[in-house]
């Protein structure tokens, strides 16, 4: 904790934080235009010497009137060095992602082995990354794909007891 605070202090970057931000955020959230909405949020967090964007609608004028009030300051650290290490692999939130997927394989399956490309009727392509080989034959079988707790995808083939690790490639 002390190391983090020390490195945050070393960056010298400042942002203003307010006790009444929830109300101000609600105003910004109501803005339709992306650029103006971003400017509204920037006005809440950037130093007061940062130039504002001119409003283009009544809601935007209301948002432009939201001015940061001086209170406490928090130092922000850029995403670099040890903080950035591995950040590209951090999963991003996806809204309304189903727990599993059922789809039909386009074409015939004549054996399952690592590297097998499987085209589904929904346009997705999956590749087998399982190290095991299976003697399985089927014409356009329906498969179920589930994701486990750690993010591995498993493709199950009907009436066979076969489940393979798979990775979506398209």
N, C-alpha and C. Protein backbone atom coordinates (compact mmCIF):
# COMPACT_ATOMS: atom_id res chain seq x y z
N UNK A 1 0.83 -1.19 0.00
CA UNK A 1 0.00 0.00 0.00
C UNK A 1 0.87 1.24 0.00
N UNK A 2 1.93 1.25 0.85
CA UNK A 2 2.82 2.41 0.92
C UNK A 2 3.54 2.59 -0.40
N UNK A 3 3.98 1.47 -1.02
CA UNK A 3 4.66 1.53 -2.31
C UNK A 3 3.76 2.13 -3.37
N UNK A 4 2.50 1.72 -3.39
CA UNK A 4 1.54 2.24 -4.36
C UNK A 4 1.35 3.74 -4.17
N UNK A 5 1.18 4.18 -2.91
CA UNK A 5 1.00 5.60 -2.63
C UNK A 5 2.22 6.39 -3.03
N UNK A 6 3.41 5.84 -2.76
CA UNK A 6 4.65 6.54 -3.11
C UNK A 6 4.78 6.67 -4.62
N UNK A 7 4.47 5.61 -5.37
CA UNK A 7 4.60 5.70 -6.82
C UNK A 7 3.51 6.58 -7.41
N UNK A 8 2.33 6.60 -6.78
CA UNK A 8 1.27 7.50 -7.24
C UNK A 8 1.70 8.94 -7.00
N UNK A 9 2.29 9.21 -5.85
CA UNK A 9 2.76 10.56 -5.53
C UNK A 9 3.86 10.99 -6.49
N UNK A 10 4.67 10.06 -6.95
CA UNK A 10 5.78 10.37 -7.84
C UNK A 10 5.32 10.79 -9.23
N UNK A 11 4.13 10.41 -9.64
CA UNK A 11 3.68 10.75 -10.98
C UNK A 11 3.33 12.23 -11.12
N UNK A 12 2.88 12.85 -10.06
CA UNK A 12 2.56 14.27 -10.11
C UNK A 12 1.27 14.60 -10.83
N UNK A 13 0.50 13.62 -11.21
CA UNK A 13 -0.76 13.87 -11.91
C UNK A 13 -1.86 14.07 -10.88
N UNK A 14 -2.69 15.09 -11.09
CA UNK A 14 -3.74 15.40 -10.12
C UNK A 14 -5.11 15.37 -10.77
N UNK A 15 -6.12 14.99 -10.00
CA UNK A 15 -7.52 15.06 -10.46
C UNK A 15 -8.35 15.50 -9.28
N UNK A 16 -9.37 16.29 -9.51
CA UNK A 16 -10.22 16.79 -8.44
C UNK A 16 -11.35 15.81 -8.18
N UNK A 17 -11.64 15.56 -6.91
CA UNK A 17 -12.72 14.66 -6.51
C UNK A 17 -13.72 15.47 -5.69
N UNK A 18 -15.02 15.24 -5.88
CA UNK A 18 -16.06 16.02 -5.21
C UNK A 18 -16.99 15.11 -4.43
N UNK A 19 -17.54 15.67 -3.38
CA UNK A 19 -18.51 14.92 -2.59
C UNK A 19 -19.84 14.79 -3.32
N UNK A 20 -20.18 15.75 -4.21
CA UNK A 20 -21.47 15.73 -4.90
C UNK A 20 -21.37 15.18 -6.32
N UNK A 21 -20.38 14.36 -6.60
CA UNK A 21 -20.18 13.81 -7.95
C UNK A 21 -21.33 12.95 -8.45
N UNK A 22 -22.01 12.15 -7.64
CA UNK A 22 -23.09 11.33 -8.20
C UNK A 22 -24.13 12.14 -8.97
N UNK A 23 -24.54 13.33 -8.45
CA UNK A 23 -25.50 14.17 -9.16
C UNK A 23 -24.90 14.71 -10.45
N UNK A 24 -23.65 15.12 -10.40
CA UNK A 24 -22.99 15.66 -11.58
C UNK A 24 -22.79 14.58 -12.64
N UNK A 25 -22.48 13.36 -12.21
CA UNK A 25 -22.33 12.25 -13.15
C UNK A 25 -23.66 11.95 -13.84
N UNK A 26 -24.76 12.08 -13.11
CA UNK A 26 -26.08 11.81 -13.69
C UNK A 26 -26.37 12.80 -14.81
N UNK A 27 -25.95 14.05 -14.65
CA UNK A 27 -26.15 15.05 -15.70
C UNK A 27 -25.36 14.64 -16.94
N UNK A 28 -24.10 14.29 -16.74
CA UNK A 28 -23.24 13.89 -17.87
C UNK A 28 -23.79 12.65 -18.56
N UNK A 29 -24.28 11.72 -17.78
CA UNK A 29 -24.78 10.46 -18.33
C UNK A 29 -25.96 10.69 -19.28
N UNK A 30 -26.72 11.77 -19.07
CA UNK A 30 -27.88 12.05 -19.89
C UNK A 30 -27.57 12.69 -21.24
N UNK A 31 -26.32 13.00 -21.50
CA UNK A 31 -25.93 13.64 -22.76
C UNK A 31 -25.82 12.59 -23.86
N UNK A 32 -26.44 12.87 -25.00
CA UNK A 32 -26.48 11.92 -26.11
C UNK A 32 -25.19 11.95 -26.94
N UNK A 33 -24.70 13.13 -27.25
CA UNK A 33 -23.52 13.27 -28.10
C UNK A 33 -22.28 12.77 -27.36
N UNK A 34 -21.55 11.82 -27.99
CA UNK A 34 -20.40 11.20 -27.35
C UNK A 34 -19.33 12.21 -26.94
N UNK A 35 -18.97 13.11 -27.86
CA UNK A 35 -17.91 14.08 -27.57
C UNK A 35 -18.29 15.02 -26.44
N UNK A 36 -19.52 15.47 -26.44
CA UNK A 36 -19.98 16.39 -25.40
C UNK A 36 -20.08 15.67 -24.06
N UNK A 37 -20.55 14.42 -24.09
CA UNK A 37 -20.63 13.63 -22.86
C UNK A 37 -19.25 13.45 -22.25
N UNK A 38 -18.26 13.15 -23.10
CA UNK A 38 -16.89 12.98 -22.62
C UNK A 38 -16.37 14.28 -22.02
N UNK A 39 -16.67 15.41 -22.69
CA UNK A 39 -16.24 16.71 -22.19
C UNK A 39 -16.85 17.00 -20.82
N UNK A 40 -18.10 16.60 -20.65
CA UNK A 40 -18.78 16.79 -19.37
C UNK A 40 -18.07 16.02 -18.26
N UNK A 41 -17.76 14.74 -18.54
CA UNK A 41 -17.05 13.93 -17.55
C UNK A 41 -15.64 14.48 -17.30
N UNK A 42 -14.99 14.94 -18.38
CA UNK A 42 -13.66 15.54 -18.22
C UNK A 42 -13.72 16.76 -17.31
N UNK A 43 -14.79 17.56 -17.45
CA UNK A 43 -14.93 18.76 -16.63
C UNK A 43 -15.01 18.41 -15.14
N UNK A 44 -15.48 17.22 -14.85
CA UNK A 44 -15.58 16.80 -13.45
C UNK A 44 -14.25 16.35 -12.88
N UNK A 45 -13.34 15.89 -13.75
CA UNK A 45 -12.11 15.28 -13.24
C UNK A 45 -10.82 15.99 -13.64
N UNK A 46 -10.86 16.81 -14.70
CA UNK A 46 -9.65 17.49 -15.14
C UNK A 46 -9.44 18.78 -14.35
N UNK A 47 -8.20 19.26 -14.30
CA UNK A 47 -7.93 20.53 -13.62
C UNK A 47 -8.73 21.66 -14.25
N UNK A 48 -9.01 22.72 -13.49
CA UNK A 48 -9.87 23.80 -13.94
C UNK A 48 -9.27 24.58 -15.11
N UNK A 49 -7.97 24.47 -15.39
CA UNK A 49 -7.36 25.19 -16.51
C UNK A 49 -7.55 24.47 -17.84
N UNK A 50 -8.25 23.33 -17.84
CA UNK A 50 -8.51 22.59 -19.07
C UNK A 50 -9.67 23.25 -19.81
N UNK A 51 -9.52 23.51 -21.12
CA UNK A 51 -10.53 24.23 -21.91
C UNK A 51 -11.78 23.39 -22.13
N UNK A 52 -13.00 23.93 -21.81
CA UNK A 52 -14.25 23.18 -22.04
C UNK A 52 -14.67 23.23 -23.50
N UNK A 53 -15.55 22.27 -23.89
CA UNK A 53 -16.11 22.22 -25.24
C UNK A 53 -17.44 22.97 -25.21
N UNK A 54 -17.72 23.74 -26.26
CA UNK A 54 -18.97 24.50 -26.33
C UNK A 54 -20.17 23.56 -26.39
N UNK A 55 -21.27 23.85 -25.64
CA UNK A 55 -22.45 23.00 -25.66
C UNK A 55 -23.19 23.11 -26.99
N UNK A 56 -23.90 22.00 -27.36
CA UNK A 56 -24.64 21.99 -28.62
C UNK A 56 -26.13 21.74 -28.43
N UNK A 57 -26.61 21.54 -27.20
CA UNK A 57 -28.04 21.33 -26.97
C UNK A 57 -28.37 21.76 -25.55
N UNK A 58 -29.67 21.74 -25.20
CA UNK A 58 -30.09 22.15 -23.86
C UNK A 58 -29.48 21.26 -22.80
N UNK A 59 -29.47 19.95 -23.03
CA UNK A 59 -28.87 19.03 -22.06
C UNK A 59 -27.38 19.31 -21.96
N UNK A 60 -26.73 19.56 -23.11
CA UNK A 60 -25.31 19.84 -23.11
C UNK A 60 -25.01 21.13 -22.34
N UNK A 61 -25.90 22.16 -22.47
CA UNK A 61 -25.71 23.41 -21.73
C UNK A 61 -25.79 23.16 -20.24
N UNK A 62 -26.74 22.31 -19.83
CA UNK A 62 -26.86 21.95 -18.42
C UNK A 62 -25.60 21.25 -17.94
N UNK A 63 -25.08 20.35 -18.79
CA UNK A 63 -23.88 19.61 -18.42
C UNK A 63 -22.68 20.55 -18.37
N UNK A 64 -22.63 21.53 -19.28
CA UNK A 64 -21.51 22.45 -19.32
C UNK A 64 -21.48 23.33 -18.08
N UNK A 65 -22.66 23.53 -17.45
CA UNK A 65 -22.71 24.35 -16.25
C UNK A 65 -22.16 23.62 -15.03
N UNK A 66 -21.97 22.31 -15.14
CA UNK A 66 -21.41 21.53 -14.04
C UNK A 66 -19.93 21.87 -13.94
N UNK A 67 -19.56 22.54 -12.89
CA UNK A 67 -18.17 22.93 -12.70
C UNK A 67 -17.60 22.19 -11.49
N UNK A 68 -16.40 21.67 -11.63
CA UNK A 68 -15.78 21.01 -10.49
C UNK A 68 -15.58 22.00 -9.35
N UNK A 69 -15.83 21.57 -8.15
CA UNK A 69 -15.61 22.39 -6.96
C UNK A 69 -14.36 21.88 -6.27
N UNK A 70 -13.52 22.78 -5.85
CA UNK A 70 -12.28 22.39 -5.20
C UNK A 70 -12.61 21.72 -3.87
N UNK A 71 -12.04 20.59 -3.64
CA UNK A 71 -12.17 19.92 -2.34
C UNK A 71 -10.89 19.11 -2.13
N UNK A 72 -10.99 17.80 -2.20
CA UNK A 72 -9.81 16.97 -2.00
C UNK A 72 -9.16 16.64 -3.33
N UNK A 73 -7.92 16.27 -3.30
CA UNK A 73 -7.24 15.86 -4.53
C UNK A 73 -6.76 14.43 -4.40
N UNK A 74 -6.78 13.72 -5.53
CA UNK A 74 -6.32 12.33 -5.59
C UNK A 74 -5.31 12.26 -6.72
N UNK A 75 -4.22 11.60 -6.49
CA UNK A 75 -3.23 11.44 -7.54
C UNK A 75 -3.58 10.21 -8.36
N UNK A 76 -3.45 10.33 -9.71
CA UNK A 76 -3.73 9.22 -10.59
C UNK A 76 -2.44 8.72 -11.19
N UNK A 77 -2.29 7.41 -11.29
CA UNK A 77 -1.10 6.82 -11.87
C UNK A 77 -1.44 6.30 -13.27
N UNK A 78 -0.61 6.64 -14.28
CA UNK A 78 -0.87 6.11 -15.62
C UNK A 78 -0.65 4.61 -15.65
N UNK A 79 -1.27 3.94 -16.60
CA UNK A 79 -1.14 2.50 -16.74
C UNK A 79 0.18 2.22 -17.46
N UNK A 80 1.24 2.01 -16.68
CA UNK A 80 2.55 1.73 -17.25
C UNK A 80 3.36 0.91 -16.25
N UNK A 81 4.48 0.41 -16.71
CA UNK A 81 5.36 -0.36 -15.84
C UNK A 81 4.67 -1.58 -15.28
N UNK A 82 4.87 -1.82 -13.98
CA UNK A 82 4.31 -3.00 -13.32
C UNK A 82 2.79 -3.00 -13.33
N UNK A 83 2.17 -1.81 -13.30
CA UNK A 83 0.71 -1.72 -13.32
C UNK A 83 0.14 -2.23 -14.63
N UNK A 84 0.83 -1.97 -15.74
CA UNK A 84 0.35 -2.37 -17.06
C UNK A 84 0.65 -3.82 -17.38
N UNK A 85 1.58 -4.43 -16.64
CA UNK A 85 2.00 -5.80 -16.94
C UNK A 85 0.82 -6.76 -16.86
N UNK A 86 0.51 -7.42 -17.97
CA UNK A 86 -0.56 -8.40 -18.03
C UNK A 86 -1.95 -7.81 -18.22
N UNK A 87 -2.08 -6.48 -18.26
CA UNK A 87 -3.40 -5.84 -18.36
C UNK A 87 -4.13 -6.19 -19.64
N UNK A 88 -3.39 -6.51 -20.71
CA UNK A 88 -4.05 -6.84 -21.97
C UNK A 88 -4.85 -8.13 -21.87
N UNK A 89 -4.53 -8.98 -20.90
CA UNK A 89 -5.26 -10.23 -20.77
C UNK A 89 -6.40 -10.16 -19.75
N UNK A 90 -6.60 -9.00 -19.14
CA UNK A 90 -7.69 -8.85 -18.19
C UNK A 90 -9.00 -8.84 -18.97
N UNK A 91 -9.94 -9.74 -18.62
CA UNK A 91 -11.18 -9.81 -19.38
C UNK A 91 -12.00 -8.54 -19.23
N UNK A 92 -12.66 -8.17 -20.29
CA UNK A 92 -13.55 -7.03 -20.28
C UNK A 92 -14.97 -7.50 -20.05
N UNK A 93 -15.73 -6.69 -19.35
CA UNK A 93 -17.11 -7.07 -19.05
C UNK A 93 -17.94 -7.10 -20.33
N UNK A 94 -18.72 -8.14 -20.50
CA UNK A 94 -19.63 -8.26 -21.63
C UNK A 94 -21.03 -8.38 -21.06
N UNK A 95 -21.91 -7.50 -21.51
CA UNK A 95 -23.28 -7.48 -21.00
C UNK A 95 -24.09 -8.59 -21.66
N UNK A 96 -24.93 -9.23 -20.89
CA UNK A 96 -25.86 -10.25 -21.38
C UNK A 96 -25.18 -11.44 -22.06
N UNK A 97 -24.05 -11.88 -21.55
CA UNK A 97 -23.40 -13.06 -22.11
C UNK A 97 -24.10 -14.31 -21.55
N UNK A 98 -24.54 -15.20 -22.43
CA UNK A 98 -25.23 -16.40 -21.95
C UNK A 98 -24.28 -17.35 -21.23
N UNK A 99 -24.84 -18.25 -20.45
CA UNK A 99 -24.04 -19.24 -19.72
C UNK A 99 -23.52 -20.33 -20.65
N UNK A 100 -24.29 -20.63 -21.70
CA UNK A 100 -23.87 -21.64 -22.66
C UNK A 100 -24.46 -21.30 -24.03
N UNK A 101 -24.01 -22.04 -25.02
CA UNK A 101 -24.44 -21.79 -26.38
C UNK A 101 -24.72 -23.13 -27.06
N UNK A 102 -25.85 -23.21 -27.74
CA UNK A 102 -26.15 -24.39 -28.55
C UNK A 102 -26.15 -23.97 -30.00
N UNK A 103 -25.48 -24.75 -30.84
CA UNK A 103 -25.42 -24.43 -32.26
C UNK A 103 -25.20 -25.72 -33.03
N UNK A 104 -25.39 -25.64 -34.33
CA UNK A 104 -25.22 -26.79 -35.20
C UNK A 104 -23.91 -26.65 -35.97
N UNK A 105 -23.17 -27.74 -36.07
CA UNK A 105 -21.93 -27.74 -36.84
C UNK A 105 -22.29 -27.77 -38.33
N UNK A 106 -21.63 -26.91 -39.10
CA UNK A 106 -21.83 -26.94 -40.54
C UNK A 106 -20.91 -28.02 -41.12
N UNK A 107 -21.49 -29.00 -41.75
CA UNK A 107 -20.69 -30.07 -42.33
C UNK A 107 -20.62 -31.29 -41.43
N UNK A 108 -19.73 -32.19 -41.80
CA UNK A 108 -19.61 -33.47 -41.10
C UNK A 108 -18.36 -33.48 -40.23
N UNK A 109 -18.45 -34.21 -39.14
CA UNK A 109 -17.30 -34.42 -38.26
C UNK A 109 -16.83 -35.85 -38.49
N UNK A 110 -15.56 -36.00 -38.84
CA UNK A 110 -14.96 -37.33 -39.04
C UNK A 110 -13.68 -37.40 -38.21
N UNK A 111 -13.88 -37.53 -36.92
CA UNK A 111 -12.75 -37.57 -36.00
C UNK A 111 -12.48 -36.20 -35.41
N UNK A 112 -12.12 -36.18 -34.12
CA UNK A 112 -11.82 -34.93 -33.43
C UNK A 112 -10.39 -35.00 -32.94
N UNK A 113 -9.61 -34.00 -33.30
CA UNK A 113 -8.21 -33.94 -32.85
C UNK A 113 -7.84 -32.47 -32.63
N UNK A 114 -6.74 -32.26 -31.95
CA UNK A 114 -6.27 -30.90 -31.68
C UNK A 114 -6.08 -30.15 -32.99
N UNK A 115 -6.58 -28.93 -33.04
CA UNK A 115 -6.46 -28.10 -34.23
C UNK A 115 -7.65 -28.16 -35.17
N UNK A 116 -8.59 -29.07 -34.92
CA UNK A 116 -9.77 -29.20 -35.78
C UNK A 116 -10.55 -27.89 -35.77
N UNK A 117 -10.85 -27.35 -36.94
CA UNK A 117 -11.64 -26.13 -37.08
C UNK A 117 -13.11 -26.52 -37.21
N UNK A 118 -13.95 -25.93 -36.38
CA UNK A 118 -15.37 -26.27 -36.36
C UNK A 118 -16.16 -25.00 -36.67
N UNK A 119 -16.87 -25.02 -37.80
CA UNK A 119 -17.70 -23.90 -38.24
C UNK A 119 -19.13 -24.16 -37.77
N UNK A 120 -19.72 -23.17 -37.08
CA UNK A 120 -21.08 -23.30 -36.58
C UNK A 120 -22.07 -22.54 -37.45
N UNK A 121 -23.34 -22.92 -37.35
CA UNK A 121 -24.38 -22.29 -38.17
C UNK A 121 -24.65 -20.84 -37.78
N UNK A 122 -24.14 -20.38 -36.65
CA UNK A 122 -24.33 -18.98 -36.23
C UNK A 122 -23.19 -18.08 -36.72
N UNK A 123 -22.27 -18.64 -37.52
CA UNK A 123 -21.16 -17.87 -38.07
C UNK A 123 -19.88 -17.94 -37.25
N UNK A 124 -19.95 -18.48 -36.06
CA UNK A 124 -18.76 -18.59 -35.23
C UNK A 124 -17.87 -19.73 -35.71
N UNK A 125 -16.56 -19.57 -35.48
CA UNK A 125 -15.60 -20.64 -35.75
C UNK A 125 -14.86 -20.94 -34.46
N UNK A 126 -14.72 -22.20 -34.16
CA UNK A 126 -14.04 -22.66 -32.96
C UNK A 126 -12.96 -23.65 -33.37
N UNK A 127 -11.88 -23.69 -32.59
CA UNK A 127 -10.79 -24.63 -32.85
C UNK A 127 -10.62 -25.51 -31.62
N UNK A 128 -10.44 -26.80 -31.86
CA UNK A 128 -10.18 -27.73 -30.76
C UNK A 128 -8.76 -27.48 -30.25
N UNK A 129 -8.65 -27.26 -28.94
CA UNK A 129 -7.34 -27.10 -28.32
C UNK A 129 -7.09 -28.24 -27.33
N UNK A 130 -7.94 -29.25 -27.40
CA UNK A 130 -7.83 -30.42 -26.53
C UNK A 130 -6.71 -31.33 -27.04
N UNK A 131 -5.94 -31.89 -26.14
CA UNK A 131 -4.82 -32.75 -26.53
C UNK A 131 -5.26 -34.17 -26.89
N UNK A 132 -6.49 -34.53 -26.59
CA UNK A 132 -6.97 -35.88 -26.86
C UNK A 132 -7.59 -35.98 -28.25
N UNK A 133 -7.49 -37.15 -28.85
CA UNK A 133 -8.13 -37.43 -30.14
C UNK A 133 -9.33 -38.35 -29.88
N UNK A 134 -10.39 -38.16 -30.66
CA UNK A 134 -11.59 -38.98 -30.52
C UNK A 134 -12.02 -39.50 -31.89
N UNK A 135 -12.47 -40.75 -31.91
CA UNK A 135 -13.08 -41.32 -33.11
C UNK A 135 -14.57 -41.04 -33.01
N UNK A 136 -14.98 -39.93 -33.57
CA UNK A 136 -16.37 -39.50 -33.51
C UNK A 136 -16.79 -39.10 -34.91
N UNK A 137 -17.93 -39.62 -35.34
CA UNK A 137 -18.45 -39.27 -36.65
C UNK A 137 -19.90 -38.84 -36.52
N UNK A 138 -20.22 -37.73 -37.17
CA UNK A 138 -21.61 -37.23 -37.16
C UNK A 138 -21.79 -36.25 -38.30
N UNK A 139 -23.01 -36.19 -38.80
CA UNK A 139 -23.36 -35.24 -39.85
C UNK A 139 -24.07 -34.06 -39.23
N UNK A 140 -23.45 -32.89 -39.27
CA UNK A 140 -24.00 -31.64 -38.74
C UNK A 140 -24.58 -31.80 -37.34
N UNK A 141 -23.77 -32.25 -36.37
CA UNK A 141 -24.30 -32.43 -35.02
C UNK A 141 -24.55 -31.10 -34.33
N UNK A 142 -25.48 -31.10 -33.39
CA UNK A 142 -25.70 -29.93 -32.55
C UNK A 142 -24.72 -30.05 -31.39
N UNK A 143 -24.02 -28.96 -31.08
CA UNK A 143 -23.07 -28.96 -29.98
C UNK A 143 -23.50 -27.94 -28.93
N UNK A 144 -23.03 -28.15 -27.72
CA UNK A 144 -23.25 -27.20 -26.63
C UNK A 144 -21.89 -26.74 -26.16
N UNK A 145 -21.72 -25.43 -26.06
CA UNK A 145 -20.46 -24.86 -25.59
C UNK A 145 -20.72 -24.18 -24.26
N UNK A 146 -19.96 -24.58 -23.24
CA UNK A 146 -20.06 -24.00 -21.90
C UNK A 146 -18.73 -23.38 -21.53
N UNK A 147 -18.79 -22.41 -20.64
CA UNK A 147 -17.57 -21.79 -20.12
C UNK A 147 -17.48 -22.10 -18.64
N UNK A 148 -16.31 -22.54 -18.19
CA UNK A 148 -16.17 -22.83 -16.76
C UNK A 148 -15.75 -21.57 -16.01
N UNK A 149 -15.54 -21.69 -14.72
CA UNK A 149 -15.26 -20.55 -13.85
C UNK A 149 -13.99 -19.81 -14.26
N UNK A 150 -12.98 -20.51 -14.73
CA UNK A 150 -11.73 -19.85 -15.08
C UNK A 150 -11.67 -19.40 -16.53
N UNK A 151 -12.76 -19.57 -17.28
CA UNK A 151 -12.83 -19.03 -18.63
C UNK A 151 -12.50 -20.00 -19.75
N UNK A 152 -12.33 -21.29 -19.43
CA UNK A 152 -12.08 -22.28 -20.47
C UNK A 152 -13.42 -22.68 -21.09
N UNK A 153 -13.43 -22.79 -22.41
CA UNK A 153 -14.65 -23.19 -23.11
C UNK A 153 -14.60 -24.68 -23.42
N UNK A 154 -15.73 -25.35 -23.19
CA UNK A 154 -15.86 -26.78 -23.44
C UNK A 154 -16.98 -27.02 -24.43
N UNK A 155 -16.67 -27.76 -25.49
CA UNK A 155 -17.66 -28.09 -26.52
C UNK A 155 -18.06 -29.55 -26.32
N UNK A 156 -19.37 -29.77 -26.12
CA UNK A 156 -19.89 -31.12 -25.90
C UNK A 156 -20.63 -31.60 -27.15
N UNK A 157 -20.37 -32.84 -27.52
CA UNK A 157 -21.03 -33.46 -28.67
C UNK A 157 -22.12 -34.38 -28.17
N UNK A 158 -23.30 -34.35 -28.79
CA UNK A 158 -24.47 -35.08 -28.28
C UNK A 158 -24.30 -36.60 -28.30
N UNK A 159 -24.86 -37.24 -27.29
CA UNK A 159 -24.94 -38.70 -27.21
C UNK A 159 -23.60 -39.40 -27.36
N UNK A 160 -22.51 -38.73 -26.97
CA UNK A 160 -21.20 -39.37 -27.11
C UNK A 160 -20.38 -39.30 -25.84
N UNK A 161 -20.72 -38.39 -24.94
CA UNK A 161 -19.92 -38.21 -23.73
C UNK A 161 -18.62 -37.46 -24.01
N UNK A 162 -18.46 -36.94 -25.22
CA UNK A 162 -17.23 -36.25 -25.59
C UNK A 162 -17.37 -34.76 -25.31
N UNK A 163 -16.41 -34.23 -24.56
CA UNK A 163 -16.29 -32.80 -24.30
C UNK A 163 -14.85 -32.42 -24.60
N UNK A 164 -14.67 -31.41 -25.45
CA UNK A 164 -13.32 -30.98 -25.79
C UNK A 164 -13.14 -29.52 -25.39
N UNK A 165 -11.89 -29.19 -25.06
CA UNK A 165 -11.56 -27.78 -24.84
C UNK A 165 -11.53 -27.11 -26.20
N UNK A 166 -12.12 -25.92 -26.30
CA UNK A 166 -12.19 -25.22 -27.58
C UNK A 166 -11.91 -23.74 -27.38
N UNK A 167 -11.45 -23.08 -28.41
CA UNK A 167 -11.19 -21.66 -28.38
C UNK A 167 -11.87 -21.02 -29.59
N UNK A 168 -12.62 -19.96 -29.32
CA UNK A 168 -13.29 -19.26 -30.41
C UNK A 168 -12.26 -18.45 -31.18
N UNK A 169 -12.29 -18.57 -32.50
CA UNK A 169 -11.35 -17.82 -33.33
C UNK A 169 -12.06 -16.81 -34.23
N UNK A 170 -13.36 -16.94 -34.40
CA UNK A 170 -14.13 -15.95 -35.16
C UNK A 170 -15.55 -15.93 -34.67
